Amino acid sequence: MSLLIKFLIALPVAALTVAAATQVGSTMRAGEPDSSAATRDLFKQVIDGVKESERAQNLFERVERVEMRKQSGDQTPFSVKVSRVIPAGTGMAKITLGSDGKPPDAEAYRAELDKLVKSLMWAAETGQPQREAYEKVKKKQKDRDELIDATRNAFIFTLLNQEPRGDQTLSKYRMEPNPAFKATSRATSIYAKVKGFVWVDDASHQLARVEGEVTDDISIGLFLGKVNKGSRFLQDRYEMSPGLWLPTFSQYDFDGRKLFSSFAVHEKTFYSGYKRVGTPAEAIPVIQAELTRLDTMKGKASAER
């Protein structure tokens, strides 16, 4: 996927991720603002939870199944890519899996794990190159935090109803751009062109689901490209660890133009197998132990031949 689409996806999802907090848990009538201390406290809790979730994804490995379609309504994807995604300190390592979620080539899989250990060892060191790399990561996270914080004033929310999801009760809110909001950057100016719905888990005050729609063409740069009005996205989240809600499903249906050519992104991503591996220093023995198991299994298989 192009950097343009990645950028545009990040913005509305970040916006909707936080948006639900402003009215969660209040006793106001639908559509009425609530500036009570209790609601402000809840808002802070939800924002803190979202930021914690963002950072946790740098500590948890997962399996991602990405299905690409030519049109959003197509039943069968034209491309399916399954990857094991593992945090590597200053980035994410992606190891290709088969459609069944298993390594298609044992030797290639082992080689990727071995390369990952080397990357983790580098990331666990404290030299100047590592400090510079982590400063870049820190800067990106700071920018994203500021983007999320801007949603405090960028949207107006209306409580619609409550809906069951399994044994959970979710409160559904409509989210619309706040006409009084003054954008402070090109990134936050996009909020005026996004509307949607958010669902919040009543018990935990955590984001459970977001749906969004682009209401006007969004331009990026002078002539770089644009995302067309009507593009849509959604994301589901569940509690993967006590107090930690992480994505389980995302769908993006974006159409637009980049330079002089059109593009279309119709993508569904399924996230599963969350497992905490921790920092590079924590992850090294975990991956090394896996390599040892693979070598032992290979030795047994050779001896049985």
Protein backbone atom coordinates (compact mmCIF):
# COMPACT_ATOMS: atom_id res chain seq x y z
CA MET A 1 0.00 0.00 0.00
CA SER A 2 1.31 3.46 -0.83
CA LEU A 3 2.49 5.89 1.83
CA LEU A 4 -0.38 8.17 0.84
CA ILE A 5 -3.00 5.60 1.78
CA LYS A 6 -1.20 4.64 4.98
CA PHE A 7 -1.18 8.28 6.01
CA LEU A 8 -4.85 8.79 5.29
CA ILE A 9 -5.85 5.61 7.08
CA ALA A 10 -3.92 6.61 10.19
CA LEU A 11 -5.63 9.99 10.50
CA PRO A 12 -9.32 9.05 10.63
CA VAL A 13 -8.69 5.92 12.66
CA ALA A 14 -6.75 7.99 15.18
CA ALA A 15 -9.58 10.50 15.25
CA LEU A 16 -12.32 7.96 15.77
CA THR A 17 -10.27 5.96 18.22
CA VAL A 18 -10.40 8.78 20.74
CA ALA A 19 -13.64 10.49 19.78
CA ALA A 20 -16.01 8.40 21.85
CA ALA A 21 -14.53 9.52 25.13
CA THR A 22 -16.17 12.91 25.44
CA GLN A 23 -19.57 11.62 26.47
CA VAL A 24 -18.88 8.14 27.79
CA GLY A 25 -20.59 7.32 31.04
CA SER A 26 -22.43 10.61 31.38
CA THR A 27 -26.10 10.94 32.21
CA MET A 28 -26.88 13.70 29.70
CA ARG A 29 -29.75 13.47 27.25
CA ALA A 30 -28.82 12.49 23.72
CA GLY A 31 -27.15 15.34 21.87
CA GLU A 32 -26.47 17.50 24.92
CA PRO A 33 -22.88 18.38 25.83
CA ASP A 34 -21.58 17.42 29.25
CA SER A 35 -18.69 19.33 30.81
CA SER A 36 -18.86 17.67 34.22
CA ALA A 37 -15.70 16.70 36.06
CA ALA A 38 -16.77 13.05 35.91
CA THR A 39 -17.01 13.12 32.13
CA ARG A 40 -13.68 14.93 31.80
CA ASP A 41 -12.11 12.25 33.98
CA LEU A 42 -13.63 9.52 31.83
CA PHE A 43 -12.37 11.26 28.72
CA LYS A 44 -8.86 11.29 30.13
CA GLN A 45 -9.16 7.59 31.01
CA VAL A 46 -10.23 6.67 27.51
CA ILE A 47 -7.46 8.71 25.90
CA ASP A 48 -4.92 7.13 28.22
CA GLY A 49 -6.30 3.72 27.28
CA VAL A 50 -6.01 4.46 23.58
CA LYS A 51 -2.43 5.65 23.93
CA GLU A 52 -1.60 2.57 25.97
CA SER A 53 -3.07 0.43 23.20
CA GLU A 54 -0.96 2.25 20.61
CA ARG A 55 2.23 1.60 22.55
CA ALA A 56 1.30 -1.98 23.38
CA GLN A 57 1.34 -2.85 19.71
CA ASN A 58 5.11 -2.28 19.91
CA LEU A 59 5.31 -5.02 22.54
CA PHE A 60 2.86 -7.62 21.22
CA GLU A 61 3.38 -9.93 18.29
CA ARG A 62 0.37 -10.93 16.21
CA VAL A 63 -0.72 -12.66 13.02
CA GLU A 64 -2.16 -10.46 10.29
CA ARG A 65 -4.24 -11.82 7.43
CA VAL A 66 -4.65 -9.16 4.73
CA GLU A 67 -7.25 -9.74 2.02
CA MET A 68 -7.27 -7.44 -1.01
CA ARG A 69 -10.30 -7.11 -3.28
CA LYS A 70 -10.87 -5.29 -6.56
CA GLN A 71 -14.26 -4.06 -5.31
CA SER A 72 -15.52 -3.82 -1.75
CA GLY A 73 -18.42 -6.19 -2.44
CA ASP A 74 -16.30 -8.98 -3.96
CA GLN A 75 -16.74 -12.24 -2.05
CA THR A 76 -13.36 -13.63 -3.06
CA PRO A 77 -10.12 -11.66 -2.56
CA PHE A 78 -7.63 -11.56 -5.41
CA SER A 79 -4.75 -11.51 -2.94
CA VAL A 80 -4.28 -12.93 0.55
CA LYS A 81 -1.14 -12.28 2.57
CA VAL A 82 -0.60 -13.78 6.01
CA SER A 83 2.27 -12.55 8.17
CA ARG A 84 3.61 -13.03 11.63
CA VAL A 85 4.30 -9.50 12.84
CA ILE A 86 6.88 -9.16 15.61
CA PRO A 87 8.06 -5.92 17.29
CA ALA A 88 11.77 -5.35 16.74
CA GLY A 89 12.40 -2.22 18.76
CA THR A 90 12.64 0.42 16.05
CA GLY A 91 10.27 -1.28 13.63
CA MET A 92 8.14 -4.34 12.97
CA ALA A 93 9.40 -7.58 11.46
CA LYS A 94 7.02 -9.39 9.13
CA ILE A 95 7.54 -13.08 8.46
CA THR A 96 5.47 -14.58 5.66
CA LEU A 97 3.15 -17.45 6.54
CA GLY A 98 0.96 -19.66 4.39
CA SER A 99 -2.78 -19.13 4.04
CA ASP A 100 -3.20 -21.73 6.81
CA GLY A 101 -1.13 -19.60 9.17
CA LYS A 102 1.85 -21.96 9.10
CA PRO A 103 5.34 -21.42 7.61
CA PRO A 104 5.33 -22.53 3.96
CA ASP A 105 9.09 -23.17 3.99
CA ALA A 106 10.75 -24.33 7.21
CA GLU A 107 14.25 -23.26 6.22
CA ALA A 108 13.17 -19.83 5.04
CA TYR A 109 11.14 -19.37 8.22
CA ARG A 110 14.12 -20.26 10.38
CA ALA A 111 16.32 -17.86 8.42
CA GLU A 112 13.83 -15.04 9.05
CA LEU A 113 13.81 -15.77 12.77
CA ASP A 114 17.59 -15.79 12.82
CA LYS A 115 17.62 -12.42 11.06
CA LEU A 116 15.08 -11.15 13.60
CA VAL A 117 17.35 -12.12 16.50
CA LYS A 118 20.16 -10.10 14.95
CA SER A 119 17.83 -7.10 14.56
CA LEU A 120 16.70 -7.44 18.18
CA MET A 121 20.29 -7.62 19.39
CA TRP A 122 21.09 -4.43 17.50
CA ALA A 123 18.00 -2.71 18.91
CA ALA A 124 18.92 -3.78 22.45
CA GLU A 125 22.27 -2.01 22.29
CA THR A 126 22.76 1.56 23.53
CA GLY A 127 25.03 3.14 20.91
CA GLN A 128 24.52 6.37 19.00
CA PRO A 129 22.80 4.69 16.00
CA GLN A 130 20.28 3.09 18.34
CA ARG A 131 19.63 6.35 20.18
CA GLU A 132 19.00 8.12 16.88
CA ALA A 133 16.65 5.36 15.70
CA TYR A 134 14.66 5.45 18.93
CA GLU A 135 14.43 9.24 18.76
CA LYS A 136 12.72 8.89 15.38
CA VAL A 137 10.28 6.36 16.87
CA LYS A 138 9.64 8.69 19.80
CA LYS A 139 9.00 11.62 17.44
CA LYS A 140 6.46 9.62 15.42
CA GLN A 141 4.64 8.60 18.59
CA LYS A 142 4.60 12.19 19.84
CA ASP A 143 3.10 13.37 16.54
CA ARG A 144 0.43 10.68 16.73
CA ASP A 145 -0.36 11.56 20.34
CA GLU A 146 -0.85 15.19 19.34
CA LEU A 147 -3.08 14.11 16.48
CA ILE A 148 -5.20 12.07 18.88
CA ASP A 149 -5.35 14.88 21.44
CA ALA A 150 -6.64 17.27 18.78
CA THR A 151 -9.83 15.24 18.51
CA ARG A 152 -10.92 16.63 21.89
CA ASN A 153 -12.22 19.70 20.06
CA ALA A 154 -12.44 18.53 16.44
CA PHE A 155 -15.75 16.66 16.68
CA ILE A 156 -19.26 16.86 18.08
CA PHE A 157 -20.76 13.65 19.43
CA THR A 158 -24.33 12.55 19.86
CA LEU A 159 -25.33 9.55 21.93
CA LEU A 160 -27.64 7.36 19.82
CA ASN A 161 -28.35 4.12 21.66
CA GLN A 162 -26.90 1.06 23.33
CA GLU A 163 -26.21 -2.22 21.57
CA PRO A 164 -25.22 -5.68 22.81
CA ARG A 165 -22.06 -7.41 21.57
CA GLY A 166 -21.76 -10.83 23.14
CA ASP A 167 -21.82 -10.26 26.89
CA GLN A 168 -20.83 -6.61 26.45
CA THR A 169 -23.01 -3.51 26.23
CA LEU A 170 -21.78 -0.85 23.83
CA SER A 171 -22.88 2.78 23.64
CA LYS A 172 -23.10 4.09 20.08
CA TYR A 173 -22.31 7.72 19.22
CA ARG A 174 -22.57 9.72 16.03
CA MET A 175 -19.46 11.80 15.32
CA GLU A 176 -19.53 14.92 13.16
CA PRO A 177 -16.96 17.67 12.53
CA ASN A 178 -17.09 20.59 14.94
CA PRO A 179 -17.53 23.77 12.83
CA ALA A 180 -15.80 25.80 15.55
CA PHE A 181 -12.63 23.69 15.43
CA LYS A 182 -9.54 25.49 14.13
CA ALA A 183 -7.07 23.12 12.53
CA THR A 184 -3.45 23.63 13.54
CA SER A 185 -1.85 21.54 10.80
CA ARG A 186 -2.52 19.93 7.45
CA ALA A 187 -3.12 16.66 9.28
CA THR A 188 -5.78 18.03 11.64
CA SER A 189 -7.47 19.89 8.76
CA ILE A 190 -8.59 16.48 7.49
CA TYR A 191 -10.90 16.10 10.48
CA ALA A 192 -13.36 18.53 8.87
CA LYS A 193 -13.86 15.95 6.11
CA VAL A 194 -14.54 12.90 8.26
CA LYS A 195 -17.72 11.72 9.96
CA GLY A 196 -18.71 8.42 11.47
CA PHE A 197 -19.85 6.38 14.44
CA VAL A 198 -18.09 5.03 17.50
CA TRP A 199 -19.04 2.28 19.92
CA VAL A 200 -17.68 2.28 23.46
CA ASP A 201 -17.74 -0.59 25.93
CA ASP A 202 -19.80 0.63 28.89
CA ALA A 203 -17.98 -1.45 31.50
CA SER A 204 -14.39 -0.56 30.60
CA HIS A 205 -14.82 2.77 28.74
CA GLN A 206 -12.68 1.38 25.94
CA LEU A 207 -13.14 1.75 22.22
CA ALA A 208 -14.91 -1.31 20.76
CA ARG A 209 -15.66 -0.25 17.17
CA VAL A 210 -15.31 2.68 14.79
CA GLU A 211 -16.81 3.38 11.38
CA GLY A 212 -15.91 6.40 9.31
CA GLU A 213 -16.60 8.04 5.96
CA VAL A 214 -14.75 10.70 4.00
CA THR A 215 -17.31 13.44 3.31
CA ASP A 216 -15.27 15.50 0.83
CA ASP A 217 -12.22 14.87 -1.35
CA ILE A 218 -9.03 14.97 0.73
CA SER A 219 -5.96 16.38 -1.00
CA ILE A 220 -2.43 15.56 0.08
CA GLY A 221 0.29 17.95 -1.04
CA LEU A 222 -0.08 20.25 -4.02
CA PHE A 223 -0.43 17.63 -6.73
CA LEU A 224 0.43 14.39 -4.94
CA GLY A 225 -3.05 13.01 -4.93
CA LYS A 226 -6.36 12.80 -3.18
CA VAL A 227 -8.75 10.38 -1.54
CA ASN A 228 -12.25 10.56 -2.93
CA LYS A 229 -15.39 11.50 -1.08
CA GLY A 230 -17.26 8.36 -0.03
CA SER A 231 -14.18 6.36 0.98
CA ARG A 232 -14.87 4.35 4.13
CA PHE A 233 -13.12 2.52 6.92
CA LEU A 234 -13.97 0.56 10.06
CA GLN A 235 -12.16 -1.19 12.88
CA ASP A 236 -13.21 -3.62 15.63
CA ARG A 237 -11.35 -3.92 18.93
CA TYR A 238 -11.53 -6.44 21.76
CA GLU A 239 -9.79 -6.90 25.09
CA MET A 240 -6.69 -8.96 24.33
CA SER A 241 -5.10 -8.58 27.77
CA PRO A 242 -6.59 -7.24 31.02
CA GLY A 243 -7.40 -3.59 30.37
CA LEU A 244 -5.83 -3.64 26.91
CA TRP A 245 -8.05 -3.43 23.81
CA LEU A 246 -6.40 -4.13 20.47
CA PRO A 247 -7.62 -4.33 16.85
CA THR A 248 -9.08 -7.64 15.67
CA PHE A 249 -10.44 -6.50 12.29
CA SER A 250 -10.01 -3.52 9.98
CA GLN A 251 -11.55 -2.72 6.61
CA TYR A 252 -10.59 0.10 4.25
CA ASP A 253 -12.42 1.01 1.06
CA PHE A 254 -10.52 3.97 -0.38
CA ASP A 255 -10.61 5.34 -3.92
CA GLY A 256 -8.72 8.30 -5.29
CA ARG A 257 -5.88 9.56 -7.44
CA LYS A 258 -2.12 9.66 -7.02
CA LEU A 259 -0.35 12.00 -9.42
CA PHE A 260 -1.98 11.17 -12.77
CA SER A 261 -3.32 7.70 -12.06
CA SER A 262 -6.26 6.43 -10.05
CA PHE A 263 -6.01 3.96 -7.20
CA ALA A 264 -8.35 1.79 -5.19
CA VAL A 265 -7.71 0.08 -1.86
CA HIS A 266 -10.28 -2.49 -0.77
CA GLU A 267 -8.59 -4.27 2.09
CA LYS A 268 -9.68 -6.40 5.02
CA THR A 269 -7.21 -7.25 7.78
CA PHE A 270 -7.78 -9.85 10.48
CA TYR A 271 -5.56 -9.70 13.59
CA SER A 272 -5.10 -12.74 15.81
CA GLY A 273 -2.61 -14.56 18.01
CA TYR A 274 -1.63 -11.59 20.15
CA LYS A 275 1.26 -12.48 22.43
CA ARG A 276 3.45 -10.17 24.46
CA VAL A 277 7.13 -10.47 23.52
CA GLY A 278 8.17 -7.20 25.15
CA THR A 279 11.18 -5.02 24.47
CA PRO A 280 14.05 -6.24 22.27
CA ALA A 281 15.95 -7.40 25.36
CA GLU A 282 12.90 -9.40 26.47
CA ALA A 283 12.15 -10.76 23.00
CA ILE A 284 15.65 -12.09 22.26
CA PRO A 285 15.45 -15.16 24.56
CA VAL A 286 11.88 -15.84 23.36
CA ILE A 287 12.93 -16.03 19.71
CA GLN A 288 16.16 -17.87 20.53
CA ALA A 289 14.15 -20.51 22.41
CA GLU A 290 11.92 -20.90 19.35
CA LEU A 291 14.97 -21.38 17.15
CA THR A 292 16.26 -24.05 19.53
CA ARG A 293 12.93 -25.89 19.35
CA LEU A 294 12.99 -25.78 15.56
CA ASP A 295 16.53 -27.17 15.49
CA THR A 296 15.56 -29.95 17.90
CA MET A 297 12.55 -30.89 15.79
CA LYS A 298 14.68 -30.89 12.65
CA GLY A 299 17.26 -33.14 14.33
CA LYS A 300 14.59 -35.62 15.41
CA ALA A 301 13.07 -35.67 11.95
CA SER A 302 16.48 -36.37 10.39
CA ALA A 303 17.20 -39.18 12.85
CA GLU A 304 13.87 -40.86 12.06
CA ARG A 305 14.56 -41.00 8.34
